[in-house]
């Protein structure tokens, strides 16, 4: 399940490292490993990025509604840690990174943690306010952020939403 409410509790770096190692163990096209992973568990970094993000959002925009929610803490669905996944654009890299993120969310769950895959916050990093935060991730030349995974101790247990099993067909 995608978790969007987290306890105000940091995640141990040994857990984050284990999640990252499970992620990079995912299959990838021709073992090219054209991805990079950056883990941010600094409350100051997350709060700073969130403040810069909020400052750049117009007060009357639909995105600003989230700031009036009393539970809003940060732009990463309030997760206390964020794993950024970047790729070197290529034929397989988006799929490779999706497989990596899948391994990460399953690993987080096995450790008693919640997670949420996000692309929405990444638009911020292409703005002037987001540029210093993107630079601090120190991605190699030619690599672009693709998605991020919020990680933390879940403060909700959402039910699974219905899935349409009729879309699964056997071919004879």
N, C-alpha and C. Protein backbone atom coordinates (compact mmCIF):
# COMPACT_ATOMS: atom_id res chain seq x y z
N UNK A 1 0.84 -1.19 0.00
CA UNK A 1 0.00 0.00 0.00
C UNK A 1 0.87 1.24 0.00
N UNK A 2 0.39 2.25 -0.66
CA UNK A 2 1.06 3.54 -0.61
C UNK A 2 0.68 4.22 0.70
N UNK A 3 1.67 4.53 1.49
CA UNK A 3 1.45 5.16 2.79
C UNK A 3 1.63 6.66 2.63
N UNK A 4 0.68 7.42 3.13
CA UNK A 4 0.74 8.87 3.01
C UNK A 4 0.68 9.57 4.36
N UNK A 5 0.72 8.78 5.43
CA UNK A 5 0.75 9.34 6.78
C UNK A 5 1.80 8.55 7.57
N UNK A 6 2.78 9.28 8.11
CA UNK A 6 3.89 8.64 8.81
C UNK A 6 4.00 9.15 10.24
N UNK A 7 4.51 8.30 11.10
CA UNK A 7 4.83 8.70 12.46
C UNK A 7 6.06 9.61 12.43
N UNK A 8 6.13 10.48 13.40
CA UNK A 8 7.27 11.39 13.49
C UNK A 8 8.43 10.65 14.17
N UNK A 9 9.02 9.73 13.42
CA UNK A 9 10.06 8.86 13.95
C UNK A 9 11.08 8.61 12.84
N UNK A 10 12.35 8.89 13.09
CA UNK A 10 13.35 8.67 12.04
C UNK A 10 13.53 7.18 11.75
N UNK A 11 14.02 6.91 10.55
CA UNK A 11 14.29 5.54 10.12
C UNK A 11 15.79 5.30 10.28
N UNK A 12 16.14 4.20 10.90
CA UNK A 12 17.56 3.87 11.11
C UNK A 12 18.26 3.73 9.76
N UNK A 13 19.47 4.26 9.70
CA UNK A 13 20.24 4.19 8.46
C UNK A 13 20.51 2.75 8.03
N UNK A 14 20.63 1.84 8.97
CA UNK A 14 20.85 0.44 8.59
C UNK A 14 19.65 -0.09 7.81
N UNK A 15 18.44 0.35 8.15
CA UNK A 15 17.26 -0.04 7.39
C UNK A 15 17.28 0.60 6.01
N UNK A 16 17.61 1.89 5.95
CA UNK A 16 17.67 2.57 4.65
C UNK A 16 18.72 1.94 3.75
N UNK A 17 19.84 1.54 4.33
CA UNK A 17 20.89 0.89 3.55
C UNK A 17 20.41 -0.47 3.02
N UNK A 18 19.72 -1.20 3.86
CA UNK A 18 19.20 -2.50 3.44
C UNK A 18 18.17 -2.33 2.32
N UNK A 19 17.33 -1.32 2.42
CA UNK A 19 16.34 -1.03 1.37
C UNK A 19 17.05 -0.69 0.07
N UNK A 20 18.07 0.15 0.15
CA UNK A 20 18.83 0.53 -1.05
C UNK A 20 19.50 -0.69 -1.68
N UNK A 21 20.08 -1.55 -0.86
CA UNK A 21 20.75 -2.74 -1.38
C UNK A 21 19.75 -3.68 -2.05
N UNK A 22 18.55 -3.80 -1.49
CA UNK A 22 17.51 -4.60 -2.16
C UNK A 22 17.14 -3.96 -3.48
N UNK A 23 17.08 -2.64 -3.51
CA UNK A 23 16.75 -1.94 -4.75
C UNK A 23 17.77 -2.18 -5.84
N UNK A 24 19.04 -2.02 -5.52
CA UNK A 24 20.06 -2.17 -6.56
C UNK A 24 20.28 -3.62 -6.96
N UNK A 25 19.67 -4.54 -6.23
CA UNK A 25 19.74 -5.95 -6.60
C UNK A 25 18.67 -6.34 -7.61
N UNK A 26 17.81 -5.40 -7.96
CA UNK A 26 16.75 -5.69 -8.94
C UNK A 26 17.37 -5.95 -10.30
N UNK A 27 16.69 -6.73 -11.13
CA UNK A 27 17.21 -6.94 -12.49
C UNK A 27 17.25 -5.62 -13.25
N UNK A 28 18.21 -5.52 -14.17
CA UNK A 28 18.27 -4.34 -15.03
C UNK A 28 18.86 -4.74 -16.37
N UNK A 29 18.42 -4.03 -17.41
CA UNK A 29 18.78 -4.37 -18.78
C UNK A 29 20.29 -4.50 -19.00
N UNK A 30 20.72 -5.69 -19.41
CA UNK A 30 22.11 -6.00 -19.71
C UNK A 30 23.07 -5.66 -18.57
N UNK A 31 22.54 -5.62 -17.36
CA UNK A 31 23.30 -5.27 -16.16
C UNK A 31 24.07 -3.96 -16.33
N UNK A 32 23.46 -3.02 -17.07
CA UNK A 32 24.12 -1.73 -17.33
C UNK A 32 24.14 -0.84 -16.09
N UNK A 33 23.22 -1.04 -15.16
CA UNK A 33 23.16 -0.29 -13.91
C UNK A 33 23.24 1.21 -14.16
N UNK A 34 22.39 1.69 -15.07
CA UNK A 34 22.40 3.11 -15.41
C UNK A 34 21.40 3.87 -14.53
N UNK A 35 21.64 3.76 -13.24
CA UNK A 35 20.85 4.44 -12.25
C UNK A 35 21.76 4.92 -11.13
N UNK A 36 21.28 5.89 -10.40
CA UNK A 36 21.96 6.35 -9.19
C UNK A 36 20.91 6.52 -8.11
N UNK A 37 21.31 6.28 -6.88
CA UNK A 37 20.41 6.35 -5.74
C UNK A 37 20.98 7.35 -4.73
N UNK A 38 20.13 8.23 -4.25
CA UNK A 38 20.51 9.17 -3.21
C UNK A 38 19.49 9.05 -2.09
N UNK A 39 19.97 8.92 -0.86
CA UNK A 39 19.10 8.78 0.30
C UNK A 39 19.20 10.05 1.15
N UNK A 40 18.06 10.64 1.44
CA UNK A 40 18.02 11.83 2.28
C UNK A 40 17.20 11.50 3.52
N UNK A 41 17.86 11.56 4.67
CA UNK A 41 17.16 11.38 5.94
C UNK A 41 17.36 12.58 6.86
N UNK A 42 17.89 13.65 6.30
CA UNK A 42 18.12 14.88 7.06
C UNK A 42 16.82 15.69 7.14
N UNK A 43 16.33 15.85 8.35
CA UNK A 43 15.12 16.65 8.55
C UNK A 43 15.34 18.07 8.06
N UNK A 44 16.54 18.60 8.26
CA UNK A 44 16.84 19.96 7.82
C UNK A 44 16.75 20.07 6.30
N UNK A 45 17.28 19.09 5.57
CA UNK A 45 17.23 19.10 4.11
C UNK A 45 15.78 19.03 3.64
N UNK A 46 15.04 18.07 4.20
CA UNK A 46 13.64 17.88 3.80
C UNK A 46 12.82 19.12 4.13
N UNK A 47 13.01 19.68 5.33
CA UNK A 47 12.28 20.89 5.71
C UNK A 47 12.68 22.08 4.84
N UNK A 48 13.97 22.19 4.50
CA UNK A 48 14.44 23.28 3.64
C UNK A 48 13.85 23.19 2.25
N UNK A 49 13.84 21.98 1.68
CA UNK A 49 13.25 21.78 0.36
C UNK A 49 11.76 22.09 0.40
N UNK A 50 11.10 21.68 1.45
CA UNK A 50 9.67 21.94 1.58
C UNK A 50 9.38 23.43 1.69
N UNK A 51 10.17 24.15 2.47
CA UNK A 51 9.98 25.60 2.60
C UNK A 51 10.18 26.29 1.26
N UNK A 52 11.21 25.90 0.51
CA UNK A 52 11.46 26.49 -0.80
C UNK A 52 10.33 26.13 -1.77
N UNK A 53 9.84 24.92 -1.69
CA UNK A 53 8.73 24.47 -2.52
C UNK A 53 7.48 25.30 -2.22
N UNK A 54 7.16 25.44 -0.93
CA UNK A 54 5.97 26.21 -0.53
C UNK A 54 6.07 27.65 -1.00
N UNK A 55 7.25 28.23 -0.90
CA UNK A 55 7.44 29.63 -1.29
C UNK A 55 7.17 29.83 -2.78
N UNK A 56 7.37 28.79 -3.58
CA UNK A 56 7.19 28.90 -5.02
C UNK A 56 5.81 28.56 -5.52
N UNK A 57 4.94 28.11 -4.63
CA UNK A 57 3.58 27.72 -5.04
C UNK A 57 2.65 28.91 -4.86
N UNK A 58 1.94 29.24 -5.91
CA UNK A 58 0.97 30.35 -5.84
C UNK A 58 -0.14 30.00 -4.86
N UNK A 59 -0.52 30.97 -4.05
CA UNK A 59 -1.50 30.74 -2.98
C UNK A 59 -2.84 30.25 -3.50
N UNK A 60 -3.21 30.62 -4.72
CA UNK A 60 -4.52 30.22 -5.24
C UNK A 60 -4.45 28.97 -6.11
N UNK A 61 -3.29 28.32 -6.17
CA UNK A 61 -3.17 27.12 -7.01
C UNK A 61 -3.73 25.90 -6.28
N UNK A 62 -4.16 24.90 -7.03
CA UNK A 62 -4.67 23.67 -6.39
C UNK A 62 -3.62 23.00 -5.49
N UNK A 63 -2.34 23.16 -5.86
CA UNK A 63 -1.28 22.54 -5.08
C UNK A 63 -1.16 23.17 -3.68
N UNK A 64 -1.57 24.41 -3.53
CA UNK A 64 -1.46 25.11 -2.25
C UNK A 64 -2.43 24.57 -1.21
N UNK A 65 -3.48 23.86 -1.65
CA UNK A 65 -4.47 23.34 -0.70
C UNK A 65 -3.84 22.44 0.35
N UNK A 66 -2.82 21.70 -0.04
CA UNK A 66 -2.20 20.76 0.90
C UNK A 66 -1.57 21.45 2.10
N UNK A 67 -1.16 22.71 1.92
CA UNK A 67 -0.47 23.43 2.99
C UNK A 67 -1.42 23.81 4.13
N UNK A 68 -2.72 23.87 3.86
CA UNK A 68 -3.68 24.21 4.91
C UNK A 68 -4.07 22.98 5.72
N UNK A 69 -3.68 21.81 5.28
CA UNK A 69 -3.96 20.58 6.02
C UNK A 69 -3.07 20.58 7.26
N UNK A 70 -3.66 20.51 8.46
CA UNK A 70 -2.84 20.56 9.68
C UNK A 70 -1.83 19.41 9.79
N UNK A 71 -2.05 18.32 9.05
CA UNK A 71 -1.11 17.20 9.11
C UNK A 71 0.08 17.38 8.16
N UNK A 72 0.05 18.43 7.30
CA UNK A 72 1.14 18.63 6.34
C UNK A 72 2.43 18.98 7.07
N UNK A 73 3.48 18.18 6.78
CA UNK A 73 4.81 18.42 7.35
C UNK A 73 5.84 18.65 6.26
N UNK A 74 5.75 17.86 5.19
CA UNK A 74 6.71 18.03 4.11
C UNK A 74 6.15 17.58 2.77
N UNK A 75 6.83 17.98 1.72
CA UNK A 75 6.38 17.73 0.36
C UNK A 75 6.51 16.28 -0.08
N UNK A 76 7.06 15.44 0.76
CA UNK A 76 7.26 14.03 0.44
C UNK A 76 6.26 13.17 1.21
N UNK A 77 5.02 13.66 1.27
CA UNK A 77 3.94 12.96 1.96
C UNK A 77 4.27 12.73 3.43
N UNK A 78 5.08 13.64 3.97
CA UNK A 78 5.47 13.63 5.38
C UNK A 78 6.44 12.52 5.76
N UNK A 79 6.99 11.83 4.78
CA UNK A 79 7.95 10.76 5.07
C UNK A 79 9.23 11.37 5.67
N UNK A 80 9.80 10.74 6.68
CA UNK A 80 11.03 11.25 7.29
C UNK A 80 12.30 10.92 6.50
N UNK A 81 12.19 10.07 5.50
CA UNK A 81 13.34 9.73 4.66
C UNK A 81 12.84 9.60 3.22
N UNK A 82 13.70 9.98 2.29
CA UNK A 82 13.34 9.92 0.88
C UNK A 82 14.50 9.31 0.10
N UNK A 83 14.19 8.35 -0.73
CA UNK A 83 15.19 7.75 -1.61
C UNK A 83 14.91 8.25 -3.01
N UNK A 84 15.89 8.95 -3.57
CA UNK A 84 15.77 9.49 -4.93
C UNK A 84 16.43 8.50 -5.89
N UNK A 85 15.75 8.26 -7.00
CA UNK A 85 16.26 7.36 -8.03
C UNK A 85 16.40 8.17 -9.31
N UNK A 86 17.63 8.19 -9.82
CA UNK A 86 17.92 8.89 -11.07
C UNK A 86 18.34 7.86 -12.11
N UNK A 87 18.18 8.24 -13.38
CA UNK A 87 18.58 7.33 -14.46
C UNK A 87 19.33 8.11 -15.52
N UNK A 88 20.15 7.38 -16.25
CA UNK A 88 20.77 7.91 -17.45
C UNK A 88 19.84 7.50 -18.57
N UNK A 89 19.11 8.46 -19.16
CA UNK A 89 18.09 8.07 -20.13
C UNK A 89 18.60 7.09 -21.18
N UNK A 90 17.85 6.03 -21.34
CA UNK A 90 18.19 4.98 -22.28
C UNK A 90 17.00 4.07 -22.49
N UNK A 91 17.18 3.06 -23.31
CA UNK A 91 16.07 2.19 -23.71
C UNK A 91 15.40 1.49 -22.52
N UNK A 92 16.17 1.01 -21.57
CA UNK A 92 15.62 0.20 -20.48
C UNK A 92 15.58 0.90 -19.14
N UNK A 93 16.15 2.08 -19.04
CA UNK A 93 16.42 2.64 -17.71
C UNK A 93 15.17 2.96 -16.89
N UNK A 94 14.09 3.38 -17.53
CA UNK A 94 12.88 3.65 -16.76
C UNK A 94 12.32 2.36 -16.18
N UNK A 95 12.36 1.30 -16.95
CA UNK A 95 11.90 0.01 -16.45
C UNK A 95 12.83 -0.47 -15.33
N UNK A 96 14.12 -0.33 -15.54
CA UNK A 96 15.09 -0.74 -14.51
C UNK A 96 14.82 -0.03 -13.19
N UNK A 97 14.57 1.27 -13.28
CA UNK A 97 14.32 2.05 -12.06
C UNK A 97 12.99 1.69 -11.42
N UNK A 98 12.00 1.34 -12.24
CA UNK A 98 10.73 0.88 -11.69
C UNK A 98 10.89 -0.43 -10.93
N UNK A 99 11.68 -1.33 -11.50
CA UNK A 99 11.96 -2.60 -10.81
C UNK A 99 12.70 -2.33 -9.49
N UNK A 100 13.64 -1.39 -9.54
CA UNK A 100 14.39 -1.03 -8.34
C UNK A 100 13.45 -0.50 -7.26
N UNK A 101 12.57 0.42 -7.64
CA UNK A 101 11.64 0.99 -6.67
C UNK A 101 10.71 -0.09 -6.12
N UNK A 102 10.28 -1.01 -6.97
CA UNK A 102 9.44 -2.12 -6.49
C UNK A 102 10.14 -2.94 -5.43
N UNK A 103 11.41 -3.25 -5.67
CA UNK A 103 12.18 -3.98 -4.65
C UNK A 103 12.27 -3.17 -3.35
N UNK A 104 12.45 -1.87 -3.50
CA UNK A 104 12.60 -1.01 -2.31
C UNK A 104 11.34 -0.99 -1.46
N UNK A 105 10.17 -0.85 -2.09
CA UNK A 105 8.93 -0.79 -1.31
C UNK A 105 8.64 -2.13 -0.64
N UNK A 106 8.97 -3.23 -1.31
CA UNK A 106 8.78 -4.54 -0.69
C UNK A 106 9.75 -4.74 0.46
N UNK A 107 10.98 -4.28 0.29
CA UNK A 107 11.97 -4.37 1.35
C UNK A 107 11.54 -3.55 2.57
N UNK A 108 11.05 -2.33 2.30
CA UNK A 108 10.59 -1.48 3.40
C UNK A 108 9.48 -2.17 4.18
N UNK A 109 8.53 -2.75 3.47
CA UNK A 109 7.43 -3.45 4.14
C UNK A 109 7.94 -4.60 5.00
N UNK A 110 8.93 -5.34 4.48
CA UNK A 110 9.47 -6.47 5.24
C UNK A 110 10.16 -6.02 6.52
N UNK A 111 10.58 -4.76 6.56
CA UNK A 111 11.24 -4.21 7.75
C UNK A 111 10.27 -3.49 8.68
N UNK A 112 8.98 -3.59 8.37
CA UNK A 112 7.97 -2.94 9.21
C UNK A 112 7.78 -1.46 8.90
N UNK A 113 8.21 -1.03 7.73
CA UNK A 113 8.11 0.37 7.33
C UNK A 113 7.05 0.53 6.24
N UNK A 114 6.61 1.76 6.07
CA UNK A 114 5.71 2.10 4.99
C UNK A 114 6.47 2.88 3.93
N UNK A 115 5.88 2.97 2.75
CA UNK A 115 6.54 3.69 1.66
C UNK A 115 5.51 4.22 0.67
N UNK A 116 5.96 5.16 -0.13
CA UNK A 116 5.13 5.69 -1.21
C UNK A 116 6.05 6.12 -2.34
N UNK A 117 5.77 5.65 -3.56
CA UNK A 117 6.51 6.08 -4.75
C UNK A 117 5.90 7.37 -5.24
N UNK A 118 6.74 8.32 -5.58
CA UNK A 118 6.26 9.63 -6.01
C UNK A 118 7.06 10.15 -7.20
N UNK A 119 6.36 10.84 -8.07
CA UNK A 119 7.01 11.60 -9.13
C UNK A 119 6.69 13.08 -8.96
N UNK A 120 5.55 13.39 -8.37
CA UNK A 120 5.08 14.77 -8.23
C UNK A 120 6.10 15.74 -7.66
N UNK A 121 6.77 15.41 -6.56
CA UNK A 121 7.71 16.37 -5.99
C UNK A 121 8.90 16.70 -6.89
N UNK A 122 9.16 15.87 -7.88
CA UNK A 122 10.37 16.05 -8.67
C UNK A 122 10.33 17.29 -9.56
N UNK A 123 9.13 17.77 -9.91
CA UNK A 123 9.03 18.99 -10.71
C UNK A 123 9.69 20.16 -10.02
N UNK A 124 9.65 20.17 -8.70
CA UNK A 124 10.26 21.25 -7.92
C UNK A 124 11.75 21.39 -8.20
N UNK A 125 12.43 20.28 -8.46
CA UNK A 125 13.88 20.31 -8.63
C UNK A 125 14.32 20.96 -9.94
N UNK A 126 13.38 21.18 -10.85
CA UNK A 126 13.72 21.87 -12.10
C UNK A 126 13.41 23.37 -12.02
N UNK A 127 13.04 23.85 -10.83
CA UNK A 127 12.78 25.27 -10.63
C UNK A 127 14.02 25.93 -10.04
N UNK A 128 14.13 27.25 -10.15
CA UNK A 128 15.27 27.94 -9.52
C UNK A 128 15.38 27.65 -8.02
N UNK A 129 14.23 27.58 -7.32
CA UNK A 129 14.26 27.30 -5.88
C UNK A 129 14.73 25.88 -5.59
N UNK A 130 14.43 24.97 -6.50
CA UNK A 130 14.81 23.58 -6.30
C UNK A 130 16.22 23.24 -6.73
N UNK A 131 16.82 24.10 -7.54
CA UNK A 131 18.15 23.82 -8.08
C UNK A 131 19.21 23.53 -7.02
N UNK A 132 19.28 24.31 -5.93
CA UNK A 132 20.31 23.97 -4.92
C UNK A 132 20.12 22.59 -4.30
N UNK A 133 18.87 22.17 -4.16
CA UNK A 133 18.59 20.86 -3.58
C UNK A 133 18.95 19.75 -4.57
N UNK A 134 18.66 19.99 -5.84
CA UNK A 134 19.06 19.04 -6.87
C UNK A 134 20.58 18.92 -6.91
N UNK A 135 21.26 20.04 -6.86
CA UNK A 135 22.74 20.03 -6.86
C UNK A 135 23.29 19.26 -5.67
N UNK A 136 22.64 19.39 -4.52
CA UNK A 136 23.14 18.71 -3.32
C UNK A 136 23.04 17.19 -3.44
N UNK A 137 22.19 16.71 -4.37
CA UNK A 137 22.11 15.26 -4.59
C UNK A 137 23.33 14.75 -5.33
N UNK A 138 24.07 15.65 -5.96
CA UNK A 138 25.35 15.32 -6.59
C UNK A 138 25.23 14.15 -7.57
N UNK A 139 24.28 14.29 -8.48
CA UNK A 139 24.11 13.25 -9.50
C UNK A 139 25.20 13.39 -10.56
N UNK A 140 25.61 12.29 -11.12
CA UNK A 140 26.61 12.30 -12.18
C UNK A 140 26.04 12.97 -13.43
N UNK A 141 26.93 13.49 -14.25
CA UNK A 141 26.52 14.15 -15.48
C UNK A 141 25.72 13.19 -16.35
N UNK A 142 24.62 13.69 -16.91
CA UNK A 142 23.79 12.89 -17.78
C UNK A 142 22.68 12.14 -17.06
N UNK A 143 22.65 12.19 -15.74
CA UNK A 143 21.62 11.50 -14.97
C UNK A 143 20.51 12.47 -14.61
N UNK A 144 19.27 11.96 -14.64
CA UNK A 144 18.09 12.76 -14.34
C UNK A 144 17.26 12.06 -13.28
N UNK A 145 16.67 12.87 -12.39
CA UNK A 145 15.76 12.28 -11.41
C UNK A 145 14.57 11.68 -12.13
N UNK A 146 14.16 10.50 -11.69
CA UNK A 146 13.04 9.82 -12.31
C UNK A 146 11.87 9.65 -11.33
N UNK A 147 12.18 9.25 -10.10
CA UNK A 147 11.16 9.08 -9.08
C UNK A 147 11.81 9.08 -7.72
N UNK A 148 10.97 9.17 -6.71
CA UNK A 148 11.49 9.08 -5.35
C UNK A 148 10.55 8.21 -4.53
N UNK A 149 11.09 7.66 -3.46
CA UNK A 149 10.33 6.77 -2.59
C UNK A 149 10.42 7.32 -1.17
N UNK A 150 9.28 7.72 -0.62
CA UNK A 150 9.22 8.14 0.78
C UNK A 150 9.20 6.90 1.65
N UNK A 151 9.96 6.95 2.75
CA UNK A 151 10.07 5.81 3.66
C UNK A 151 9.85 6.29 5.09
N UNK A 152 9.11 5.54 5.86
CA UNK A 152 8.92 5.88 7.27
C UNK A 152 8.06 4.84 7.96
N UNK A 153 7.79 5.11 9.23
CA UNK A 153 6.91 4.24 10.01
C UNK A 153 5.47 4.66 9.74
N UNK A 154 4.69 3.77 9.19
CA UNK A 154 3.32 4.08 8.78
C UNK A 154 2.47 4.48 9.98
N UNK A 155 1.66 5.51 9.77
CA UNK A 155 0.70 5.93 10.77
C UNK A 155 -0.71 5.74 10.20
N UNK A 156 -0.83 4.80 9.27
CA UNK A 156 -2.11 4.42 8.69
C UNK A 156 -1.95 3.02 8.11
N UNK A 157 -3.03 2.35 7.93
CA UNK A 157 -3.06 1.02 7.30
C UNK A 157 -4.19 1.01 6.28
N UNK A 158 -3.98 1.66 5.14
CA UNK A 158 -5.07 1.73 4.17
C UNK A 158 -5.40 0.37 3.57
N UNK A 159 -6.69 0.18 3.31
CA UNK A 159 -7.15 -1.04 2.65
C UNK A 159 -6.74 -1.00 1.19
N UNK A 160 -6.61 -2.14 0.60
CA UNK A 160 -6.31 -2.21 -0.83
C UNK A 160 -7.50 -1.72 -1.62
N UNK A 161 -7.23 -0.94 -2.63
CA UNK A 161 -8.29 -0.49 -3.53
C UNK A 161 -8.58 -1.63 -4.50
N UNK A 162 -9.82 -1.71 -4.98
CA UNK A 162 -10.17 -2.81 -5.88
C UNK A 162 -9.30 -2.80 -7.13
N UNK A 163 -8.99 -3.98 -7.61
CA UNK A 163 -8.24 -4.16 -8.85
C UNK A 163 -9.12 -4.93 -9.82
N UNK A 164 -8.98 -4.64 -11.08
CA UNK A 164 -9.79 -5.28 -12.11
C UNK A 164 -9.06 -6.53 -12.61
N UNK A 165 -9.37 -7.66 -12.02
CA UNK A 165 -8.74 -8.92 -12.38
C UNK A 165 -9.14 -9.39 -13.77
N UNK A 166 -10.19 -8.80 -14.35
CA UNK A 166 -10.61 -9.19 -15.71
C UNK A 166 -9.59 -8.75 -16.76
N UNK A 167 -8.68 -7.90 -16.39
CA UNK A 167 -7.65 -7.45 -17.34
C UNK A 167 -6.53 -8.47 -17.49
N UNK A 168 -6.56 -9.51 -16.68
CA UNK A 168 -5.57 -10.58 -16.77
C UNK A 168 -6.18 -11.67 -17.65
N UNK A 169 -5.50 -12.00 -18.74
CA UNK A 169 -6.01 -13.01 -19.69
C UNK A 169 -4.91 -14.01 -20.01
N UNK A 170 -5.31 -15.22 -20.22
CA UNK A 170 -4.40 -16.26 -20.69
C UNK A 170 -4.49 -16.32 -22.20
N UNK A 171 -3.40 -16.49 -22.85
CA UNK A 171 -3.37 -16.62 -24.31
C UNK A 171 -3.11 -18.07 -24.64
N UNK A 172 -4.00 -18.67 -25.41
CA UNK A 172 -3.88 -20.08 -25.77
C UNK A 172 -3.15 -20.22 -27.09
